[in-house]
Amino acid sequence: MGKQADYPLNLLRDIPVEELLSDDQMKGLEYVLEQLTEREQMVLEYRYVKGMSYSEIGVAFELTGSRIQQITNRALQKLRHPARTAYIREGFAAHEASILEHVRMAMGKKEGRLLVAGDKILDQDIEILRLSIRPYNCLKRHGIGTLHELLWMMLKEDWYKECRNLGRKGATEIVVSLLKLEIVDTEYLGCRPLVADQHEAEKLCLT
């Protein structure tokens, strides 16, 4: 890769997504890059902004060039997750509005705690759900790191079948945590197959 790297177009080609057309799409790219680990962000910066080779980056990190290539590929794989590429393709503000509209329609509500932009609830890490190790790791391995990514996936009733090794028990734990925090209610699409009715939901939340 040359020293005069054509950032961010070079990165977009490797994800890949269409070229940036607006400031909002650039903000979307910056947002998804912030979801990576600090080391992954630095490696991508050296690679795509500074135009360094894998070997040159390896010297800076005291790692082999092949290891740097693995880190780069892992970071790109994270960026290719549909929940993240949507931010780049649609733009940050546009995709946030799209998510809120989908959630609003799914819940059949015009208002709600989740839909208040000032809450920044969608940006919260799934750690706030205080899940046990298995469901937490299952979500992370599936590329789910924030509530907006989780709720987007839960717009389908059989969402939990997409997460390897999660199972119905793990999915129920996730739903209960969301209910306890009043982020969703039992009418949300992803909750319906796991919580039969409000009475059951109340029992689950009390346990």
N, C-alpha and C. Protein backbone atom coordinates (compact mmCIF):
# COMPACT_ATOMS: atom_id res chain seq x y z
N MET A 1 0.85 -1.19 0.00
CA MET A 1 0.00 0.00 0.00
C MET A 1 0.88 1.23 0.00
N GLY A 2 0.59 2.19 -0.84
CA GLY A 2 1.43 3.36 -0.98
C GLY A 2 1.37 4.27 0.22
N LYS A 3 2.36 5.17 0.27
CA LYS A 3 2.43 6.09 1.39
C LYS A 3 1.30 7.10 1.36
N GLN A 4 0.84 7.45 0.14
CA GLN A 4 -0.26 8.41 0.03
C GLN A 4 -1.57 7.64 -0.09
N ALA A 5 -2.01 7.11 1.02
CA ALA A 5 -3.22 6.31 1.02
C ALA A 5 -4.45 7.18 0.77
N ASP A 6 -5.40 6.68 -0.03
CA ASP A 6 -6.60 7.45 -0.36
C ASP A 6 -7.71 7.18 0.65
N TYR A 7 -7.41 7.46 1.90
CA TYR A 7 -8.38 7.26 2.97
C TYR A 7 -9.51 8.28 2.84
N PRO A 8 -10.79 7.90 3.09
CA PRO A 8 -11.28 6.60 3.57
C PRO A 8 -11.71 5.63 2.46
N LEU A 9 -11.49 6.03 1.20
CA LEU A 9 -11.96 5.18 0.10
C LEU A 9 -11.28 3.82 0.09
N ASN A 10 -9.99 3.79 0.47
CA ASN A 10 -9.29 2.51 0.51
C ASN A 10 -9.89 1.55 1.54
N LEU A 11 -10.28 2.10 2.69
CA LEU A 11 -10.92 1.28 3.72
C LEU A 11 -12.29 0.80 3.25
N LEU A 12 -13.05 1.69 2.64
CA LEU A 12 -14.39 1.33 2.17
C LEU A 12 -14.34 0.23 1.12
N ARG A 13 -13.31 0.25 0.28
CA ARG A 13 -13.19 -0.80 -0.73
C ARG A 13 -12.95 -2.16 -0.09
N ASP A 14 -12.26 -2.18 1.04
CA ASP A 14 -11.95 -3.45 1.69
C ASP A 14 -13.07 -3.94 2.59
N ILE A 15 -14.06 -3.08 2.91
CA ILE A 15 -15.13 -3.56 3.80
C ILE A 15 -16.06 -4.56 3.10
N PRO A 16 -16.61 -4.35 1.89
CA PRO A 16 -16.65 -3.14 1.08
C PRO A 16 -18.02 -2.46 1.17
N VAL A 17 -18.02 -1.14 1.01
CA VAL A 17 -19.27 -0.39 0.87
C VAL A 17 -19.04 0.67 -0.20
N GLU A 18 -20.13 1.34 -0.58
CA GLU A 18 -20.03 2.36 -1.60
C GLU A 18 -19.22 3.54 -1.08
N GLU A 19 -18.77 4.38 -2.00
CA GLU A 19 -18.00 5.55 -1.60
C GLU A 19 -18.86 6.49 -0.77
N LEU A 20 -18.20 7.25 0.10
CA LEU A 20 -18.91 8.22 0.94
C LEU A 20 -19.46 9.34 0.08
N LEU A 21 -20.66 9.76 0.41
CA LEU A 21 -21.30 10.82 -0.34
C LEU A 21 -21.65 12.03 0.53
N SER A 22 -21.63 11.87 1.84
CA SER A 22 -22.08 12.95 2.71
C SER A 22 -21.31 12.97 4.02
N ASP A 23 -21.42 14.09 4.73
CA ASP A 23 -20.80 14.22 6.05
C ASP A 23 -21.42 13.22 7.03
N ASP A 24 -22.72 12.95 6.85
CA ASP A 24 -23.40 12.03 7.76
C ASP A 24 -22.87 10.61 7.60
N GLN A 25 -22.55 10.22 6.37
CA GLN A 25 -21.97 8.91 6.14
C GLN A 25 -20.55 8.83 6.74
N MET A 26 -19.80 9.92 6.66
CA MET A 26 -18.48 9.96 7.27
C MET A 26 -18.60 9.83 8.78
N LYS A 27 -19.62 10.47 9.36
CA LYS A 27 -19.86 10.34 10.79
C LYS A 27 -20.22 8.90 11.14
N GLY A 28 -20.96 8.24 10.25
CA GLY A 28 -21.30 6.84 10.46
C GLY A 28 -20.07 5.97 10.47
N LEU A 29 -19.13 6.24 9.56
CA LEU A 29 -17.88 5.48 9.53
C LEU A 29 -17.08 5.69 10.81
N GLU A 30 -16.99 6.93 11.26
CA GLU A 30 -16.26 7.23 12.49
C GLU A 30 -16.89 6.52 13.68
N TYR A 31 -18.22 6.46 13.68
CA TYR A 31 -18.94 5.81 14.78
C TYR A 31 -18.62 4.32 14.84
N VAL A 32 -18.66 3.63 13.70
CA VAL A 32 -18.42 2.19 13.73
C VAL A 32 -16.95 1.88 14.04
N LEU A 33 -16.04 2.76 13.63
CA LEU A 33 -14.63 2.55 13.96
C LEU A 33 -14.42 2.62 15.47
N GLU A 34 -15.21 3.45 16.15
CA GLU A 34 -15.10 3.57 17.60
C GLU A 34 -15.55 2.31 18.32
N GLN A 35 -16.26 1.42 17.61
CA GLN A 35 -16.72 0.17 18.22
C GLN A 35 -15.62 -0.88 18.26
N LEU A 36 -14.51 -0.63 17.57
CA LEU A 36 -13.39 -1.56 17.57
C LEU A 36 -12.53 -1.36 18.81
N THR A 37 -11.65 -2.31 19.09
CA THR A 37 -10.71 -2.16 20.19
C THR A 37 -9.70 -1.07 19.84
N GLU A 38 -9.04 -0.55 20.86
CA GLU A 38 -8.06 0.50 20.63
C GLU A 38 -6.96 0.03 19.68
N ARG A 39 -6.49 -1.20 19.86
CA ARG A 39 -5.44 -1.72 19.00
C ARG A 39 -5.92 -1.87 17.56
N GLU A 40 -7.14 -2.36 17.39
CA GLU A 40 -7.68 -2.50 16.04
C GLU A 40 -7.79 -1.15 15.35
N GLN A 41 -8.22 -0.13 16.10
CA GLN A 41 -8.32 1.21 15.53
C GLN A 41 -6.97 1.73 15.09
N MET A 42 -5.95 1.50 15.92
CA MET A 42 -4.61 1.98 15.60
C MET A 42 -4.04 1.26 14.38
N VAL A 43 -4.25 -0.06 14.31
CA VAL A 43 -3.75 -0.83 13.17
C VAL A 43 -4.40 -0.35 11.87
N LEU A 44 -5.72 -0.12 11.91
CA LEU A 44 -6.40 0.37 10.71
C LEU A 44 -5.92 1.77 10.33
N GLU A 45 -5.64 2.59 11.33
CA GLU A 45 -5.13 3.93 11.04
C GLU A 45 -3.77 3.85 10.36
N TYR A 46 -2.88 3.03 10.90
CA TYR A 46 -1.56 2.87 10.29
C TYR A 46 -1.67 2.31 8.87
N ARG A 47 -2.58 1.38 8.71
CA ARG A 47 -2.72 0.70 7.42
C ARG A 47 -3.39 1.59 6.38
N TYR A 48 -4.52 2.21 6.73
CA TYR A 48 -5.33 2.90 5.73
C TYR A 48 -5.12 4.41 5.69
N VAL A 49 -4.74 5.02 6.81
CA VAL A 49 -4.51 6.47 6.82
C VAL A 49 -3.06 6.78 6.49
N LYS A 50 -2.14 6.06 7.14
CA LYS A 50 -0.72 6.32 6.93
C LYS A 50 -0.12 5.49 5.79
N GLY A 51 -0.86 4.48 5.33
CA GLY A 51 -0.43 3.69 4.20
C GLY A 51 0.75 2.77 4.48
N MET A 52 0.86 2.31 5.72
CA MET A 52 1.98 1.45 6.10
C MET A 52 1.72 0.00 5.72
N SER A 53 2.78 -0.75 5.47
CA SER A 53 2.66 -2.17 5.17
C SER A 53 2.45 -2.95 6.47
N TYR A 54 2.04 -4.21 6.33
CA TYR A 54 1.86 -5.04 7.52
C TYR A 54 3.17 -5.17 8.30
N SER A 55 4.26 -5.31 7.58
CA SER A 55 5.56 -5.46 8.23
C SER A 55 5.93 -4.20 9.00
N GLU A 56 5.69 -3.04 8.40
CA GLU A 56 6.01 -1.77 9.06
C GLU A 56 5.16 -1.58 10.32
N ILE A 57 3.91 -1.94 10.23
CA ILE A 57 3.04 -1.83 11.42
C ILE A 57 3.50 -2.82 12.48
N GLY A 58 3.91 -3.99 12.04
CA GLY A 58 4.38 -5.01 12.97
C GLY A 58 5.56 -4.52 13.79
N VAL A 59 6.45 -3.77 13.18
CA VAL A 59 7.60 -3.22 13.91
C VAL A 59 7.13 -2.28 15.01
N ALA A 60 6.12 -1.45 14.70
CA ALA A 60 5.60 -0.49 15.68
C ALA A 60 4.94 -1.20 16.86
N PHE A 61 4.32 -2.36 16.62
CA PHE A 61 3.62 -3.09 17.67
C PHE A 61 4.45 -4.25 18.23
N GLU A 62 5.63 -4.43 17.68
CA GLU A 62 6.49 -5.56 18.06
C GLU A 62 5.77 -6.89 17.82
N LEU A 63 5.13 -6.97 16.65
CA LEU A 63 4.43 -8.18 16.22
C LEU A 63 4.86 -8.51 14.80
N THR A 64 4.59 -9.72 14.37
CA THR A 64 4.91 -10.10 13.00
C THR A 64 3.92 -9.46 12.03
N GLY A 65 4.33 -9.36 10.78
CA GLY A 65 3.44 -8.81 9.77
C GLY A 65 2.20 -9.66 9.59
N SER A 66 2.35 -10.97 9.71
CA SER A 66 1.19 -11.87 9.56
C SER A 66 0.19 -11.66 10.69
N ARG A 67 0.70 -11.40 11.88
CA ARG A 67 -0.20 -11.15 13.02
C ARG A 67 -0.97 -9.84 12.82
N ILE A 68 -0.28 -8.83 12.29
CA ILE A 68 -0.94 -7.56 12.00
C ILE A 68 -2.02 -7.75 10.94
N GLN A 69 -1.74 -8.61 9.97
CA GLN A 69 -2.74 -8.89 8.94
C GLN A 69 -3.96 -9.57 9.54
N GLN A 70 -3.75 -10.46 10.50
CA GLN A 70 -4.86 -11.12 11.19
C GLN A 70 -5.71 -10.10 11.94
N ILE A 71 -5.05 -9.17 12.63
CA ILE A 71 -5.77 -8.13 13.38
C ILE A 71 -6.58 -7.26 12.42
N THR A 72 -5.97 -6.93 11.29
CA THR A 72 -6.67 -6.12 10.28
C THR A 72 -7.90 -6.84 9.75
N ASN A 73 -7.73 -8.11 9.42
CA ASN A 73 -8.86 -8.90 8.89
C ASN A 73 -9.97 -9.04 9.91
N ARG A 74 -9.60 -9.21 11.19
CA ARG A 74 -10.62 -9.32 12.24
C ARG A 74 -11.38 -8.02 12.38
N ALA A 75 -10.67 -6.90 12.32
CA ALA A 75 -11.32 -5.59 12.42
C ALA A 75 -12.26 -5.36 11.24
N LEU A 76 -11.81 -5.73 10.05
CA LEU A 76 -12.65 -5.58 8.85
C LEU A 76 -13.90 -6.45 8.94
N GLN A 77 -13.74 -7.64 9.50
CA GLN A 77 -14.89 -8.53 9.67
C GLN A 77 -15.93 -7.91 10.58
N LYS A 78 -15.47 -7.24 11.64
CA LYS A 78 -16.40 -6.56 12.54
C LYS A 78 -17.12 -5.43 11.80
N LEU A 79 -16.38 -4.70 10.99
CA LEU A 79 -16.97 -3.58 10.25
C LEU A 79 -17.97 -4.06 9.21
N ARG A 80 -17.83 -5.31 8.77
CA ARG A 80 -18.74 -5.85 7.75
C ARG A 80 -20.08 -6.31 8.32
N HIS A 81 -20.21 -6.28 9.64
CA HIS A 81 -21.48 -6.68 10.25
C HIS A 81 -22.58 -5.75 9.74
N PRO A 82 -23.72 -6.30 9.30
CA PRO A 82 -24.79 -5.47 8.74
C PRO A 82 -25.22 -4.30 9.63
N ALA A 83 -25.19 -4.51 10.95
CA ALA A 83 -25.59 -3.44 11.85
C ALA A 83 -24.61 -2.27 11.81
N ARG A 84 -23.37 -2.54 11.38
CA ARG A 84 -22.37 -1.48 11.30
C ARG A 84 -22.30 -0.87 9.91
N THR A 85 -22.34 -1.71 8.87
CA THR A 85 -22.27 -1.16 7.52
C THR A 85 -23.48 -0.27 7.23
N ALA A 86 -24.59 -0.52 7.90
CA ALA A 86 -25.78 0.32 7.70
C ALA A 86 -25.50 1.76 8.09
N TYR A 87 -24.69 1.94 9.13
CA TYR A 87 -24.33 3.30 9.55
C TYR A 87 -23.53 4.01 8.47
N ILE A 88 -22.70 3.27 7.74
CA ILE A 88 -21.88 3.87 6.70
C ILE A 88 -22.71 4.14 5.45
N ARG A 89 -23.52 3.17 5.07
CA ARG A 89 -24.31 3.31 3.84
C ARG A 89 -25.38 4.40 3.98
N GLU A 90 -26.06 4.40 5.13
CA GLU A 90 -27.18 5.33 5.32
C GLU A 90 -26.75 6.64 5.95
N GLY A 91 -25.65 6.63 6.69
CA GLY A 91 -25.25 7.81 7.45
C GLY A 91 -25.67 7.64 8.90
N PHE A 92 -24.95 8.29 9.82
CA PHE A 92 -25.20 8.10 11.24
C PHE A 92 -26.61 8.53 11.65
N ALA A 93 -26.95 9.79 11.39
CA ALA A 93 -28.25 10.31 11.82
C ALA A 93 -29.39 9.58 11.11
N ALA A 94 -29.20 9.31 9.81
CA ALA A 94 -30.25 8.65 9.04
C ALA A 94 -30.51 7.24 9.56
N HIS A 95 -29.44 6.51 9.91
CA HIS A 95 -29.64 5.14 10.38
C HIS A 95 -30.22 5.13 11.79
N GLU A 96 -29.80 6.08 12.65
CA GLU A 96 -30.38 6.17 13.98
C GLU A 96 -31.89 6.38 13.88
N ALA A 97 -32.29 7.28 12.97
CA ALA A 97 -33.71 7.54 12.78
C ALA A 97 -34.42 6.29 12.27
N SER A 98 -33.76 5.55 11.39
CA SER A 98 -34.34 4.32 10.85
C SER A 98 -34.55 3.28 11.94
N ILE A 99 -33.55 3.13 12.81
CA ILE A 99 -33.67 2.17 13.91
C ILE A 99 -34.83 2.54 14.82
N LEU A 100 -34.90 3.81 15.19
CA LEU A 100 -35.98 4.25 16.09
C LEU A 100 -37.34 4.01 15.46
N GLU A 101 -37.45 4.25 14.16
CA GLU A 101 -38.73 4.04 13.48
C GLU A 101 -39.10 2.56 13.47
N HIS A 102 -38.13 1.69 13.20
CA HIS A 102 -38.40 0.26 13.20
C HIS A 102 -38.82 -0.21 14.60
N VAL A 103 -38.13 0.28 15.62
CA VAL A 103 -38.48 -0.10 16.98
C VAL A 103 -39.86 0.43 17.35
N ARG A 104 -40.14 1.66 16.94
CA ARG A 104 -41.45 2.26 17.23
C ARG A 104 -42.56 1.43 16.59
N MET A 105 -42.35 1.03 15.35
CA MET A 105 -43.37 0.23 14.65
C MET A 105 -43.50 -1.14 15.29
N ALA A 106 -42.38 -1.73 15.69
CA ALA A 106 -42.42 -3.06 16.28
C ALA A 106 -43.14 -3.07 17.61
N MET A 107 -42.98 -1.98 18.35
CA MET A 107 -43.61 -1.90 19.66
C MET A 107 -45.04 -1.35 19.56
N GLY A 108 -45.37 -0.78 18.40
CA GLY A 108 -46.71 -0.24 18.24
C GLY A 108 -46.95 0.97 19.12
N LYS A 109 -45.89 1.74 19.37
CA LYS A 109 -46.00 2.90 20.24
C LYS A 109 -45.48 4.14 19.54
N LYS A 110 -45.96 5.27 19.94
CA LYS A 110 -45.46 6.54 19.43
C LYS A 110 -44.42 7.13 20.38
N GLU A 111 -44.48 6.74 21.61
CA GLU A 111 -43.54 7.25 22.59
C GLU A 111 -43.06 6.10 23.47
N GLY A 112 -42.00 6.34 24.17
CA GLY A 112 -41.46 5.33 25.07
C GLY A 112 -40.05 5.68 25.46
N ARG A 113 -39.60 5.13 26.56
CA ARG A 113 -38.27 5.47 27.04
C ARG A 113 -37.20 5.20 25.99
N LEU A 114 -37.33 4.10 25.28
CA LEU A 114 -36.35 3.72 24.28
C LEU A 114 -36.25 4.74 23.16
N LEU A 115 -37.35 5.40 22.87
CA LEU A 115 -37.41 6.26 21.70
C LEU A 115 -36.99 7.69 21.97
N VAL A 116 -36.59 8.00 23.18
CA VAL A 116 -36.14 9.35 23.51
C VAL A 116 -34.66 9.46 23.17
N ALA A 117 -34.36 10.28 22.17
CA ALA A 117 -32.99 10.36 21.67
C ALA A 117 -32.01 10.79 22.76
N GLY A 118 -32.46 11.65 23.67
CA GLY A 118 -31.58 12.15 24.72
C GLY A 118 -31.08 11.08 25.67
N ASP A 119 -31.79 9.97 25.73
CA ASP A 119 -31.38 8.88 26.62
C ASP A 119 -30.09 8.21 26.16
N LYS A 120 -29.83 8.28 24.85
CA LYS A 120 -28.67 7.60 24.26
C LYS A 120 -28.69 6.11 24.61
N ILE A 121 -29.88 5.57 24.80
CA ILE A 121 -29.99 4.19 25.26
C ILE A 121 -29.48 3.22 24.21
N LEU A 122 -29.65 3.57 22.94
CA LEU A 122 -29.22 2.67 21.88
C LEU A 122 -27.71 2.53 21.82
N ASP A 123 -26.99 3.52 22.31
CA ASP A 123 -25.53 3.48 22.26
C ASP A 123 -24.93 2.65 23.39
N GLN A 124 -25.73 2.26 24.35
CA GLN A 124 -25.20 1.56 25.52
C GLN A 124 -24.68 0.17 25.15
N ASP A 125 -23.58 -0.22 25.79
CA ASP A 125 -23.02 -1.55 25.60
C ASP A 125 -23.95 -2.58 26.23
N ILE A 126 -23.96 -3.78 25.68
CA ILE A 126 -24.82 -4.83 26.22
C ILE A 126 -24.42 -5.22 27.64
N GLU A 127 -23.28 -4.72 28.12
CA GLU A 127 -22.87 -5.00 29.49
C GLU A 127 -23.88 -4.49 30.51
N ILE A 128 -24.65 -3.45 30.14
CA ILE A 128 -25.62 -2.92 31.08
C ILE A 128 -26.73 -3.93 31.38
N LEU A 129 -26.86 -4.96 30.55
CA LEU A 129 -27.87 -5.99 30.78
C LEU A 129 -27.44 -6.97 31.88
N ARG A 130 -26.15 -6.94 32.23
CA ARG A 130 -25.61 -7.80 33.28
C ARG A 130 -25.96 -9.27 33.06
N LEU A 131 -25.63 -9.72 31.88
CA LEU A 131 -25.93 -11.10 31.51
C LEU A 131 -24.89 -12.05 32.09
N SER A 132 -25.26 -13.32 32.20
CA SER A 132 -24.29 -14.32 32.60
C SER A 132 -23.31 -14.54 31.44
N ILE A 133 -22.26 -15.27 31.69
CA ILE A 133 -21.16 -15.37 30.74
C ILE A 133 -21.59 -15.93 29.38
N ARG A 134 -22.39 -17.01 29.39
CA ARG A 134 -22.71 -17.67 28.12
C ARG A 134 -23.49 -16.78 27.15
N PRO A 135 -24.64 -16.20 27.54
CA PRO A 135 -25.35 -15.36 26.58
C PRO A 135 -24.56 -14.13 26.17
N TYR A 136 -23.79 -13.57 27.11
CA TYR A 136 -22.97 -12.40 26.79
C TYR A 136 -21.95 -12.74 25.71
N ASN A 137 -21.24 -13.85 25.89
CA ASN A 137 -20.23 -14.25 24.92
C ASN A 137 -20.85 -14.62 23.58
N CYS A 138 -22.03 -15.24 23.62
CA CYS A 138 -22.71 -15.60 22.37
C CYS A 138 -23.03 -14.35 21.55
N LEU A 139 -23.51 -13.31 22.22
CA LEU A 139 -23.82 -12.07 21.53
C LEU A 139 -22.57 -11.43 20.97
N LYS A 140 -21.51 -11.40 21.78
CA LYS A 140 -20.26 -10.78 21.33
C LYS A 140 -19.68 -11.51 20.13
N ARG A 141 -19.71 -12.83 20.17
CA ARG A 141 -19.18 -13.59 19.04
C ARG A 141 -20.00 -13.37 17.78
N HIS A 142 -21.27 -13.05 17.96
CA HIS A 142 -22.15 -12.79 16.82
C HIS A 142 -22.01 -11.35 16.32
N GLY A 143 -21.16 -10.57 16.97
CA GLY A 143 -20.94 -9.19 16.56
C GLY A 143 -21.89 -8.19 17.17
N ILE A 144 -22.59 -8.61 18.23
CA ILE A 144 -23.54 -7.73 18.91
C ILE A 144 -22.86 -7.11 20.13
N GLY A 145 -22.65 -5.80 20.08
CA GLY A 145 -21.97 -5.14 21.18
C GLY A 145 -22.77 -4.05 21.85
N THR A 146 -23.77 -3.51 21.16
CA THR A 146 -24.58 -2.42 21.71
C THR A 146 -26.06 -2.79 21.68
N LEU A 147 -26.85 -2.02 22.41
CA LEU A 147 -28.29 -2.30 22.45
C LEU A 147 -28.94 -2.13 21.09
N HIS A 148 -28.49 -1.15 20.31
CA HIS A 148 -29.12 -0.96 19.01
C HIS A 148 -28.89 -2.17 18.11
N GLU A 149 -27.71 -2.79 18.20
CA GLU A 149 -27.43 -3.99 17.41
C GLU A 149 -28.30 -5.16 17.87
N LEU A 150 -28.49 -5.26 19.18
CA LEU A 150 -29.32 -6.32 19.74
C LEU A 150 -30.77 -6.14 19.33
N LEU A 151 -31.30 -4.93 19.50
CA LEU A 151 -32.70 -4.68 19.19
C LEU A 151 -32.98 -4.82 17.69
N TRP A 152 -31.99 -4.47 16.88
CA TRP A 152 -32.15 -4.64 15.43
C TRP A 152 -32.29 -6.11 15.09
N MET A 153 -31.44 -6.93 15.71
CA MET A 153 -31.51 -8.36 15.47
C MET A 153 -32.83 -8.93 15.98
N MET A 154 -33.35 -8.37 17.07
CA MET A 154 -34.57 -8.87 17.69
C MET A 154 -35.85 -8.44 16.99
N LEU A 155 -35.72 -7.80 15.84
CA LEU A 155 -36.91 -7.45 15.07
C LEU A 155 -37.52 -8.68 14.39
N LYS A 156 -36.83 -9.83 14.52
CA LYS A 156 -37.36 -11.10 14.03
C LYS A 156 -37.67 -12.00 15.22
N GLU A 157 -38.78 -12.71 15.17
CA GLU A 157 -39.19 -13.53 16.31
C GLU A 157 -38.22 -14.67 16.58
N ASP A 158 -37.56 -15.18 15.55
CA ASP A 158 -36.64 -16.30 15.76
C ASP A 158 -35.18 -15.83 15.82
N TRP A 159 -34.97 -14.60 16.26
CA TRP A 159 -33.64 -13.98 16.28
C TRP A 159 -32.60 -14.82 17.01
N TYR A 160 -33.01 -15.47 18.10
CA TYR A 160 -32.04 -16.18 18.93
C TYR A 160 -31.46 -17.42 18.25
N LYS A 161 -32.12 -17.88 17.19
CA LYS A 161 -31.62 -19.04 16.47
C LYS A 161 -30.39 -18.69 15.62
N GLU A 162 -30.17 -17.39 15.40
CA GLU A 162 -29.02 -16.95 14.62
C GLU A 162 -27.74 -16.97 15.44
N CYS A 163 -27.87 -16.91 16.77
CA CYS A 163 -26.71 -16.88 17.65
C CYS A 163 -26.33 -18.29 18.07
N ARG A 164 -25.22 -18.74 17.61
CA ARG A 164 -24.77 -20.09 17.90
C ARG A 164 -24.59 -20.29 19.40
N ASN A 165 -25.15 -21.40 19.89
CA ASN A 165 -25.04 -21.82 21.30
C ASN A 165 -25.81 -20.95 22.29
N LEU A 166 -26.58 -19.97 21.79
CA LEU A 166 -27.34 -19.13 22.72
C LEU A 166 -28.50 -19.91 23.33
N GLY A 167 -29.31 -20.50 22.48
CA GLY A 167 -30.43 -21.29 22.96
C GLY A 167 -31.56 -20.45 23.52
N ARG A 168 -32.67 -21.11 23.79
CA ARG A 168 -33.85 -20.41 24.31
C ARG A 168 -33.62 -19.88 25.72
N LYS A 169 -32.88 -20.63 26.53
CA LYS A 169 -32.63 -20.19 27.90
C LYS A 169 -31.82 -18.90 27.92
N GLY A 170 -30.77 -18.85 27.12
CA GLY A 170 -29.96 -17.64 27.06
C GLY A 170 -30.74 -16.47 26.50
N ALA A 171 -31.57 -16.74 25.48
CA ALA A 171 -32.38 -15.68 24.89
C ALA A 171 -33.39 -15.14 25.89
N THR A 172 -33.96 -16.05 26.69
CA THR A 172 -34.92 -15.61 27.71
C THR A 172 -34.25 -14.71 28.74
N GLU A 173 -33.03 -15.03 29.11
CA GLU A 173 -32.29 -14.19 30.06
C GLU A 173 -32.10 -12.78 29.49
N ILE A 174 -31.79 -12.71 28.19
CA ILE A 174 -31.62 -11.41 27.54
C ILE A 174 -32.91 -10.62 27.56
N VAL A 175 -34.02 -11.29 27.22
CA VAL A 175 -35.32 -10.63 27.19
C VAL A 175 -35.70 -10.12 28.58
N VAL A 176 -35.47 -10.95 29.60
CA VAL A 176 -35.80 -10.55 30.97
C VAL A 176 -35.01 -9.31 31.37
N SER A 177 -33.74 -9.26 31.01
CA SER A 177 -32.92 -8.11 31.34
C SER A 177 -33.44 -6.85 30.66
N LEU A 178 -33.85 -6.98 29.40
CA LEU A 178 -34.41 -5.84 28.67
C LEU A 178 -35.71 -5.37 29.31
N LEU A 179 -36.53 -6.33 29.75
CA LEU A 179 -37.80 -5.98 30.40
C LEU A 179 -37.58 -5.28 31.73
N LYS A 180 -36.61 -5.78 32.49
CA LYS A 180 -36.33 -5.18 33.80
C LYS A 180 -35.89 -3.72 33.67
N LEU A 181 -35.12 -3.44 32.63
CA LEU A 181 -34.64 -2.09 32.41
C LEU A 181 -35.66 -1.22 31.67
N GLU A 182 -36.81 -1.83 31.34
CA GLU A 182 -37.90 -1.14 30.63
C GLU A 182 -37.44 -0.58 29.29
N ILE A 183 -36.52 -1.30 28.64
CA ILE A 183 -36.06 -0.91 27.32
C ILE A 183 -37.05 -1.35 26.26
N VAL A 184 -37.66 -2.51 26.46
CA VAL A 184 -38.73 -3.00 25.59
C VAL A 184 -39.86 -3.52 26.48
N ASP A 185 -40.97 -3.86 25.86
CA ASP A 185 -42.03 -4.53 26.59
C ASP A 185 -42.32 -5.86 25.90
N THR A 186 -43.31 -6.57 26.39
CA THR A 186 -43.59 -7.92 25.88
C THR A 186 -44.13 -7.92 24.46
N GLU A 187 -44.49 -6.74 23.92
CA GLU A 187 -45.01 -6.67 22.56
C GLU A 187 -43.90 -6.58 21.52
N TYR A 188 -42.68 -6.36 21.98
CA TYR A 188 -41.57 -6.28 21.02
C TYR A 188 -41.41 -7.63 20.34
N LEU A 189 -41.17 -7.63 19.04
CA LEU A 189 -41.16 -8.86 18.24
C LEU A 189 -40.27 -9.95 18.82
N GLY A 190 -39.06 -9.59 19.22
CA GLY A 190 -38.12 -10.58 19.73
C GLY A 190 -38.47 -11.13 21.09
N CYS A 191 -39.41 -10.48 21.78
CA CYS A 191 -39.82 -10.94 23.10
C CYS A 191 -40.98 -11.93 23.03
N ARG A 192 -41.82 -11.77 22.03
CA ARG A 192 -43.07 -12.54 21.97
C ARG A 192 -42.91 -14.04 22.08
N PRO A 193 -41.96 -14.66 21.37
CA PRO A 193 -41.88 -16.13 21.47
C PRO A 193 -41.28 -16.62 22.79
N LEU A 194 -40.71 -15.71 23.57
CA LEU A 194 -40.04 -16.10 24.81
C LEU A 194 -40.84 -15.76 26.06
N VAL A 195 -41.73 -14.81 25.94
CA VAL A 195 -42.58 -14.42 27.07
C VAL A 195 -44.02 -14.45 26.59
N ALA A 196 -44.77 -15.41 27.07
CA ALA A 196 -46.12 -15.64 26.56
C ALA A 196 -47.08 -14.50 26.85
N ASP A 197 -46.99 -13.93 28.03
CA ASP A 197 -47.91 -12.86 28.39
C ASP A 197 -47.29 -11.96 29.46
N GLN A 198 -48.00 -10.90 29.80
CA GLN A 198 -47.49 -9.94 30.77
C GLN A 198 -47.32 -10.57 32.14
N HIS A 199 -48.21 -11.47 32.52
CA HIS A 199 -48.11 -12.12 33.81
C HIS A 199 -46.83 -12.93 33.92
N GLU A 200 -46.52 -13.66 32.84
CA GLU A 200 -45.28 -14.44 32.83
C GLU A 200 -44.08 -13.51 32.91
N ALA A 201 -44.17 -12.39 32.20
CA ALA A 201 -43.07 -11.43 32.19
C ALA A 201 -42.84 -10.88 33.60
N GLU A 202 -43.90 -10.59 34.30
CA GLU A 202 -43.78 -10.06 35.67
C GLU A 202 -43.13 -11.08 36.57
N LYS A 203 -43.51 -12.35 36.40
CA LYS A 203 -42.90 -13.42 37.22
C LYS A 203 -41.41 -13.54 36.94
N LEU A 204 -41.05 -13.46 35.66
CA LEU A 204 -39.65 -13.56 35.28
C LEU A 204 -38.83 -12.41 35.83
N CYS A 205 -39.40 -11.21 35.79
CA CYS A 205 -38.68 -10.04 36.26
C CYS A 205 -38.50 -10.01 37.77
N LEU A 206 -39.31 -10.76 38.46
CA LEU A 206 -39.21 -10.79 39.92
C LEU A 206 -38.23 -11.85 40.41
N THR A 207 -37.80 -12.73 39.52
CA THR A 207 -36.90 -13.82 39.92
C THR A 207 -35.45 -13.36 39.93
